[in-house]
Amino acid sequence: MIAPTPETLIGPLSLFVHAGSGVLSILAALWVFKGALNARRENAERTRTAAWAVAIFMAVAWICGGYWYVHFYPADKGMILKGPWPFAHTLFMEIKEHLFFVSLILAFYLPIVVRAKLYENAAARKLALCVSLLIVLSGLAIEGAGAVISYGVRVAYIHPQAKITHP
C-alpha cells in the first residue's frame, strides 16, 4: 500500500472542504432563516452568529473551490468533455460558476442585514428571510450541480470513448 503524501491529499481535501463548507453554509443560512422567522431579543445574537457562519463557510468554499478549480479541474474538464456527459461541464459547471457568485455576495451581505434588530424591524426581518432563503435554495442547486459534475467525471472514466491520460 502506498502511503498518501500531502501532494496526493491536497486535491481531494480541497474538494471535500469546498463541498462540506458549502453544506455548512446552507445549514447556517437555514439557521438564520429560522432566527428571522422567530425574531426575538433572546435569539438575536444567535442569528447574528449564524449569519457570520454563513459568510465564513461560504468564503472557505470559495477559496477551496477556486484552488481546486485552478489546479485540478482542467484534467477532469477534459475527461467530462470527451465523455458521454459533456453537459456536466457545459451546462452544470457554467451554471454553478455564475450562481455561486450570487450566493457569495448574498452570504457577505447577510451579516449586514441581521445587524438590524429583526425583532423590532419588520422590513429588515423580511429582507433577512429573503436573503437567507435565496442562499439556501441557490446553495442546494449548486450542491446538486456539483454532484452532476462529479458524476460526469465518473462516467467519463468508465466510458470507452473517453480514454485519455489523466495527470
C-alpha atoms as a PDB file:
ATOM      1  CA  MET A   1       0.000   0.000   0.000  1.00  0.00           C
ATOM      2  CA  ILE A   2       1.305   3.430  -0.938  1.00  0.00           C
ATOM      3  CA  ALA A   3       1.140   5.989   1.840  1.00  0.00           C
ATOM      4  CA  PRO A   4      -0.636   9.217   0.943  1.00  0.00           C
ATOM      5  CA  THR A   5       1.506  12.314   0.687  1.00  0.00           C
ATOM      6  CA  PRO A   6       0.499  15.962   1.064  1.00  0.00           C
ATOM      7  CA  GLU A   7       0.712  16.301  -2.721  1.00  0.00           C
ATOM      8  CA  THR A   8      -1.797  13.480  -3.261  1.00  0.00           C
ATOM      9  CA  LEU A   9      -4.115  14.664  -0.497  1.00  0.00           C
ATOM     10  CA  ILE A  10      -4.404  18.371  -1.296  1.00  0.00           C
ATOM     11  CA  GLY A  11      -6.687  17.887  -4.320  1.00  0.00           C
ATOM     12  CA  PRO A  12      -9.285  15.652  -2.668  1.00  0.00           C
ATOM     13  CA  LEU A  13      -9.019  17.578   0.589  1.00  0.00           C
ATOM     14  CA  SER A  14      -9.672  20.927  -1.091  1.00  0.00           C
ATOM     15  CA  LEU A  15     -12.652  19.435  -2.927  1.00  0.00           C
ATOM     16  CA  PHE A  16     -14.125  17.875   0.235  1.00  0.00           C
ATOM     17  CA  VAL A  17     -13.643  21.080   2.239  1.00  0.00           C
ATOM     18  CA  HIS A  18     -15.220  23.032  -0.652  1.00  0.00           C
ATOM     19  CA  ALA A  19     -18.362  20.884  -0.694  1.00  0.00           C
ATOM     20  CA  GLY A  20     -18.503  20.464   3.084  1.00  0.00           C
ATOM     21  CA  SER A  21     -18.237  24.148   3.852  1.00  0.00           C
ATOM     22  CA  GLY A  22     -20.892  24.792   1.211  1.00  0.00           C
ATOM     23  CA  VAL A  23     -23.247  22.443   3.054  1.00  0.00           C
ATOM     24  CA  LEU A  24     -22.402  24.094   6.380  1.00  0.00           C
ATOM     25  CA  SER A  25     -23.144  27.477   4.812  1.00  0.00           C
ATOM     26  CA  ILE A  26     -26.565  26.212   3.696  1.00  0.00           C
ATOM     27  CA  LEU A  27     -27.303  24.889   7.189  1.00  0.00           C
ATOM     28  CA  ALA A  28     -26.217  28.168   8.789  1.00  0.00           C
ATOM     29  CA  ALA A  29     -28.434  30.104   6.344  1.00  0.00           C
ATOM     30  CA  LEU A  30     -31.321  27.880   7.367  1.00  0.00           C
ATOM     31  CA  TRP A  31     -30.487  28.748  10.981  1.00  0.00           C
ATOM     32  CA  VAL A  32     -30.656  32.468  10.085  1.00  0.00           C
ATOM     33  CA  PHE A  33     -33.994  31.907   8.342  1.00  0.00           C
ATOM     34  CA  LYS A  34     -35.395  30.236  11.454  1.00  0.00           C
ATOM     35  CA  GLY A  35     -33.984  33.004  13.659  1.00  0.00           C
ATOM     36  CA  ALA A  36     -35.524  35.712  11.467  1.00  0.00           C
ATOM     37  CA  LEU A  37     -38.820  33.863  11.296  1.00  0.00           C
ATOM     38  CA  ASN A  38     -38.972  33.758  15.114  1.00  0.00           C
ATOM     39  CA  ALA A  39     -37.138  37.021  15.738  1.00  0.00           C
ATOM     40  CA  ARG A  40     -36.919  37.838  19.434  1.00  0.00           C
ATOM     41  CA  ARG A  41     -34.457  39.751  21.523  1.00  0.00           C
ATOM     42  CA  GLU A  42     -33.333  36.425  23.066  1.00  0.00           C
ATOM     43  CA  ASN A  43     -32.235  34.846  19.765  1.00  0.00           C
ATOM     44  CA  ALA A  44     -30.806  37.974  18.076  1.00  0.00           C
ATOM     45  CA  GLU A  45     -27.197  37.153  18.968  1.00  0.00           C
ATOM     46  CA  ARG A  46     -27.542  33.542  17.754  1.00  0.00           C
ATOM     47  CA  THR A  47     -28.981  34.807  14.482  1.00  0.00           C
ATOM     48  CA  ARG A  48     -26.076  37.230  14.025  1.00  0.00           C
ATOM     49  CA  THR A  49     -23.601  34.424  14.810  1.00  0.00           C
ATOM     50  CA  ALA A  50     -25.275  32.183  12.243  1.00  0.00           C
ATOM     51  CA  ALA A  51     -25.110  34.964   9.634  1.00  0.00           C
ATOM     52  CA  TRP A  52     -21.358  35.282  10.218  1.00  0.00           C
ATOM     53  CA  ALA A  53     -21.069  31.486   9.945  1.00  0.00           C
ATOM     54  CA  VAL A  54     -22.776  31.668   6.543  1.00  0.00           C
ATOM     55  CA  ALA A  55     -20.266  34.272   5.341  1.00  0.00           C
ATOM     56  CA  ILE A  56     -17.234  32.412   6.733  1.00  0.00           C
ATOM     57  CA  PHE A  57     -18.258  28.986   5.409  1.00  0.00           C
ATOM     58  CA  MET A  58     -19.084  30.499   2.022  1.00  0.00           C
ATOM     59  CA  ALA A  59     -15.665  32.196   1.901  1.00  0.00           C
ATOM     60  CA  VAL A  60     -13.975  28.870   2.724  1.00  0.00           C
ATOM     61  CA  ALA A  61     -15.998  27.170  -0.035  1.00  0.00           C
ATOM     62  CA  TRP A  62     -14.918  29.919  -2.444  1.00  0.00           C
ATOM     63  CA  ILE A  63     -11.212  29.662  -1.575  1.00  0.00           C
ATOM     64  CA  CYS A  64     -11.042  25.846  -1.582  1.00  0.00           C
ATOM     65  CA  GLY A  65     -13.220  25.541  -4.678  1.00  0.00           C
ATOM     66  CA  GLY A  66     -11.158  28.142  -6.512  1.00  0.00           C
ATOM     67  CA  TYR A  67      -7.931  26.371  -5.607  1.00  0.00           C
ATOM     68  CA  TRP A  68      -9.289  23.035  -6.796  1.00  0.00           C
ATOM     69  CA  TYR A  69     -10.743  24.583  -9.960  1.00  0.00           C
ATOM     70  CA  VAL A  70      -7.422  26.135 -10.981  1.00  0.00           C
ATOM     71  CA  HIS A  71      -5.127  23.251 -10.053  1.00  0.00           C
ATOM     72  CA  PHE A  72      -7.181  20.067 -10.522  1.00  0.00           C
ATOM     73  CA  TYR A  73     -10.329  20.688 -12.572  1.00  0.00           C
ATOM     74  CA  PRO A  74      -8.692  21.103 -16.019  1.00  0.00           C
ATOM     75  CA  ALA A  75      -7.959  17.360 -16.225  1.00  0.00           C
ATOM     76  CA  ASP A  76     -11.488  16.496 -15.097  1.00  0.00           C
ATOM     77  CA  LYS A  77     -12.928  19.015 -17.545  1.00  0.00           C
ATOM     78  CA  GLY A  78     -11.083  17.283 -20.383  1.00  0.00           C
ATOM     79  CA  MET A  79     -12.490  13.934 -19.297  1.00  0.00           C
ATOM     80  CA  ILE A  80     -16.022  15.307 -18.966  1.00  0.00           C
ATOM     81  CA  LEU A  81     -15.947  16.915 -22.421  1.00  0.00           C
ATOM     82  CA  LYS A  82     -14.735  13.671 -24.036  1.00  0.00           C
ATOM     83  CA  GLY A  83     -17.185  11.511 -22.080  1.00  0.00           C
ATOM     84  CA  PRO A  84     -20.874  10.766 -22.525  1.00  0.00           C
ATOM     85  CA  TRP A  85     -21.969  13.653 -20.250  1.00  0.00           C
ATOM     86  CA  PRO A  86     -20.305  16.788 -21.677  1.00  0.00           C
ATOM     87  CA  PHE A  87     -23.259  18.822 -20.387  1.00  0.00           C
ATOM     88  CA  ALA A  88     -21.912  18.201 -16.877  1.00  0.00           C
ATOM     89  CA  HIS A  89     -19.368  20.884 -17.725  1.00  0.00           C
ATOM     90  CA  THR A  90     -21.003  22.912 -20.483  1.00  0.00           C
ATOM     91  CA  LEU A  91     -24.255  23.389 -18.566  1.00  0.00           C
ATOM     92  CA  PHE A  92     -23.867  22.493 -14.895  1.00  0.00           C
ATOM     93  CA  MET A  93     -20.376  23.867 -14.254  1.00  0.00           C
ATOM     94  CA  GLU A  94     -21.228  27.071 -16.091  1.00  0.00           C
ATOM     95  CA  ILE A  95     -24.408  27.488 -14.026  1.00  0.00           C
ATOM     96  CA  LYS A  96     -22.521  26.661 -10.835  1.00  0.00           C
ATOM     97  CA  GLU A  97     -19.748  29.164 -11.591  1.00  0.00           C
ATOM     98  CA  HIS A  98     -22.200  32.024 -12.089  1.00  0.00           C
ATOM     99  CA  LEU A  99     -24.767  31.115  -9.449  1.00  0.00           C
ATOM    100  CA  PHE A 100     -22.065  30.764  -6.822  1.00  0.00           C
ATOM    101  CA  PHE A 101     -21.097  34.430  -7.048  1.00  0.00           C
ATOM    102  CA  VAL A 102     -24.691  35.463  -6.390  1.00  0.00           C
ATOM    103  CA  SER A 103     -24.677  33.235  -3.301  1.00  0.00           C
ATOM    104  CA  LEU A 104     -21.295  34.590  -2.240  1.00  0.00           C
ATOM    105  CA  ILE A 105     -22.488  38.204  -2.425  1.00  0.00           C
ATOM    106  CA  LEU A 106     -25.664  37.319  -0.515  1.00  0.00           C
ATOM    107  CA  ALA A 107     -23.621  35.479   2.125  1.00  0.00           C
ATOM    108  CA  PHE A 108     -21.399  38.521   2.651  1.00  0.00           C
ATOM    109  CA  TYR A 109     -24.492  40.755   2.783  1.00  0.00           C
ATOM    110  CA  LEU A 110     -26.360  38.627   5.344  1.00  0.00           C
ATOM    111  CA  PRO A 111     -24.370  39.741   8.435  1.00  0.00           C
ATOM    112  CA  ILE A 112     -25.102  43.350   7.462  1.00  0.00           C
ATOM    113  CA  VAL A 113     -28.831  42.626   7.188  1.00  0.00           C
ATOM    114  CA  VAL A 114     -29.089  40.908  10.577  1.00  0.00           C
ATOM    115  CA  ARG A 115     -27.272  43.751  12.368  1.00  0.00           C
ATOM    116  CA  ALA A 116     -30.665  45.440  12.497  1.00  0.00           C
ATOM    117  CA  LYS A 117     -32.940  44.494  15.379  1.00  0.00           C
ATOM    118  CA  LEU A 118     -35.034  41.974  13.470  1.00  0.00           C
ATOM    119  CA  TYR A 119     -37.430  41.660  16.392  1.00  0.00           C
ATOM    120  CA  GLU A 120     -38.305  45.374  16.031  1.00  0.00           C
ATOM    121  CA  ASN A 121     -37.832  45.978  12.298  1.00  0.00           C
ATOM    122  CA  ALA A 122     -40.305  44.110  10.063  1.00  0.00           C
ATOM    123  CA  ALA A 123     -38.623  45.259   6.830  1.00  0.00           C
ATOM    124  CA  ALA A 124     -35.206  44.037   7.991  1.00  0.00           C
ATOM    125  CA  ARG A 125     -36.779  40.754   9.123  1.00  0.00           C
ATOM    126  CA  LYS A 126     -38.344  40.235   5.676  1.00  0.00           C
ATOM    127  CA  LEU A 127     -35.039  41.050   3.995  1.00  0.00           C
ATOM    128  CA  ALA A 128     -33.194  38.570   6.246  1.00  0.00           C
ATOM    129  CA  LEU A 129     -35.789  35.911   5.412  1.00  0.00           C
ATOM    130  CA  CYS A 130     -35.437  36.540   1.671  1.00  0.00           C
ATOM    131  CA  VAL A 131     -31.636  36.663   1.638  1.00  0.00           C
ATOM    132  CA  SER A 132     -31.212  33.553   3.790  1.00  0.00           C
ATOM    133  CA  LEU A 133     -33.798  31.628   1.761  1.00  0.00           C
ATOM    134  CA  LEU A 134     -32.068  32.596  -1.501  1.00  0.00           C
ATOM    135  CA  ILE A 135     -28.776  31.321  -0.047  1.00  0.00           C
ATOM    136  CA  VAL A 136     -30.398  28.015   0.941  1.00  0.00           C
ATOM    137  CA  LEU A 137     -32.075  27.492  -2.437  1.00  0.00           C
ATOM    138  CA  SER A 138     -29.090  28.542  -4.539  1.00  0.00           C
ATOM    139  CA  GLY A 139     -26.795  26.511  -2.290  1.00  0.00           C
ATOM    140  CA  LEU A 140     -28.874  23.390  -2.840  1.00  0.00           C
ATOM    141  CA  ALA A 141     -28.813  23.995  -6.597  1.00  0.00           C
ATOM    142  CA  ILE A 142     -25.038  24.479  -6.502  1.00  0.00           C
ATOM    143  CA  GLU A 143     -24.522  21.290  -4.462  1.00  0.00           C
ATOM    144  CA  GLY A 144     -26.715  19.407  -6.943  1.00  0.00           C
ATOM    145  CA  ALA A 145     -24.715  20.784  -9.860  1.00  0.00           C
ATOM    146  CA  GLY A 146     -21.532  19.632  -8.119  1.00  0.00           C
ATOM    147  CA  ALA A 147     -22.968  16.118  -7.902  1.00  0.00           C
ATOM    148  CA  VAL A 148     -23.741  16.112 -11.636  1.00  0.00           C
ATOM    149  CA  ILE A 149     -20.225  17.350 -12.425  1.00  0.00           C
ATOM    150  CA  SER A 150     -18.699  14.675 -10.215  1.00  0.00           C
ATOM    151  CA  TYR A 151     -20.781  12.013 -11.925  1.00  0.00           C
ATOM    152  CA  GLY A 152     -19.776  13.431 -15.309  1.00  0.00           C
ATOM    153  CA  VAL A 153     -16.149  12.707 -14.416  1.00  0.00           C
ATOM    154  CA  ARG A 154     -17.035   9.253 -13.141  1.00  0.00           C
ATOM    155  CA  VAL A 155     -18.920   8.152 -16.277  1.00  0.00           C
ATOM    156  CA  ALA A 156     -16.149   9.572 -18.455  1.00  0.00           C
ATOM    157  CA  TYR A 157     -13.635   7.262 -16.780  1.00  0.00           C
ATOM    158  CA  ILE A 158     -15.746   4.189 -17.450  1.00  0.00           C
ATOM    159  CA  HIS A 159     -16.822   5.217 -20.959  1.00  0.00           C
ATOM    160  CA  PRO A 160     -14.604   3.582 -23.627  1.00  0.00           C
ATOM    161  CA  GLN A 161     -14.504   6.597 -25.982  1.00  0.00           C
ATOM    162  CA  ALA A 162     -13.209   8.958 -23.303  1.00  0.00           C
ATOM    163  CA  LYS A 163      -9.935   7.198 -22.576  1.00  0.00           C
ATOM    164  CA  ILE A 164      -7.312   9.895 -22.266  1.00  0.00           C
ATOM    165  CA  THR A 165      -4.415  10.108 -19.918  1.00  0.00           C
ATOM    166  CA  HIS A 166      -5.045  11.783 -16.602  1.00  0.00           C
ATOM    167  CA  PRO A 167      -2.130  13.519 -14.872  1.00  0.00           C
END
